[in-house]
Amino acid sequence: MEASKEYFAVFFTPSGAIRFHRFLRSNNIPAEVKPLPRILSISCGIGIEFFTNLDVNLLISKDIKELYLHQGYQYTLKYTKDQ
């Protein structure tokens, strides 16, 4: 079985981040609320780190501003939405 990929989601608002965190946890996707890494320090200041092998396009919600694949010290933009 392939190891889960690590993603970091950035949000428009803190309430959107909390809503997404609850959604992930209710679907048994490991997730943690974290402060934004300095390299991504935009938006509301908190993000959600999560691990999955699912197609992340199926997880995109209206609350997500940006979604990054996190590998080592690199963050690769996978999705962005303008407000």
Protein backbone atom coordinates (compact mmCIF):
# COMPACT_ATOMS: atom_id res chain seq x y z
CA MET A 1 0.00 0.00 0.00
CA GLU A 2 1.29 3.43 -0.96
CA ALA A 3 2.17 5.85 1.86
CA SER A 4 -0.22 8.75 2.34
CA LYS A 5 0.76 12.10 0.88
CA GLU A 6 0.99 15.12 3.15
CA TYR A 7 -1.06 18.20 2.29
CA PHE A 8 -1.44 21.63 3.84
CA ALA A 9 -4.64 23.61 3.31
CA VAL A 10 -4.83 27.40 3.72
CA PHE A 11 -8.17 29.10 4.44
CA PHE A 12 -9.97 32.41 4.06
CA THR A 13 -11.15 32.32 7.71
CA PRO A 14 -10.40 30.43 10.93
CA SER A 15 -13.98 29.11 11.02
CA GLY A 16 -13.48 27.63 7.53
CA ALA A 17 -10.35 25.85 8.76
CA ILE A 18 -12.19 24.38 11.74
CA ARG A 19 -15.10 23.28 9.52
CA PHE A 20 -12.69 21.51 7.13
CA HIS A 21 -10.84 19.88 10.04
CA ARG A 22 -14.13 18.43 11.32
CA PHE A 23 -14.98 17.19 7.81
CA LEU A 24 -11.63 15.38 7.48
CA ARG A 25 -11.82 13.84 10.94
CA SER A 26 -15.40 12.64 10.34
CA ASN A 27 -14.09 10.85 7.22
CA ASN A 28 -11.20 9.23 9.12
CA ILE A 29 -8.55 11.34 7.40
CA PRO A 30 -5.72 12.20 9.83
CA ALA A 31 -5.62 15.99 10.22
CA GLU A 32 -4.19 18.61 12.54
CA VAL A 33 -4.80 22.35 12.92
CA LYS A 34 -1.47 24.17 12.70
CA PRO A 35 -0.12 27.69 12.37
CA LEU A 36 0.84 28.52 8.80
CA PRO A 37 4.48 27.88 7.95
CA ARG A 38 6.35 31.14 7.43
CA ILE A 39 6.71 30.42 3.70
CA LEU A 40 2.89 30.30 3.41
CA SER A 41 2.08 33.08 5.89
CA ILE A 42 -1.02 34.46 4.21
CA SER A 43 -4.75 34.49 4.94
CA CYS A 44 -6.12 33.72 8.38
CA GLY A 45 -2.90 32.41 9.97
CA ILE A 46 -3.95 28.80 10.59
CA GLY A 47 -4.06 25.84 8.27
CA ILE A 48 -4.84 22.15 8.25
CA GLU A 49 -2.17 19.53 7.70
CA PHE A 50 -3.63 16.23 6.55
CA PHE A 51 -2.55 12.91 5.09
CA THR A 52 -4.38 11.01 2.36
CA ASN A 53 -4.07 8.95 -0.81
CA LEU A 54 -7.48 10.13 -2.04
CA ASP A 55 -7.86 12.46 -5.01
CA VAL A 56 -7.61 15.80 -3.18
CA ASN A 57 -9.80 17.44 -5.82
CA LEU A 58 -12.68 15.56 -4.18
CA LEU A 59 -11.88 17.23 -0.84
CA ILE A 60 -11.85 20.85 -2.03
CA SER A 61 -14.37 23.01 -0.18
CA LYS A 62 -15.46 26.63 -0.61
CA ASP A 63 -13.44 27.51 2.50
CA ILE A 64 -10.05 26.54 1.04
CA LYS A 65 -7.96 29.38 -0.36
CA GLU A 66 -4.93 27.28 -1.32
CA LEU A 67 -3.89 23.65 -1.10
CA TYR A 68 -0.27 22.51 -1.10
CA LEU A 69 1.45 19.15 -1.37
CA HIS A 70 4.15 19.11 1.32
CA GLN A 71 7.31 17.12 0.59
CA GLY A 72 10.33 17.66 2.80
CA TYR A 73 10.90 21.43 2.87
CA GLN A 74 8.89 22.09 -0.30
CA TYR A 75 5.27 23.18 -0.67
CA THR A 76 3.88 22.65 -4.17
CA LEU A 77 0.68 24.52 -4.97
CA LYS A 78 -2.05 22.10 -6.07
CA TYR A 79 -5.13 24.34 -5.87
CA THR A 80 -5.89 28.05 -5.48
CA LYS A 81 -9.13 30.01 -5.33
CA ASP A 82 -9.51 33.78 -5.36
CA GLN A 83 -12.09 35.20 -2.99
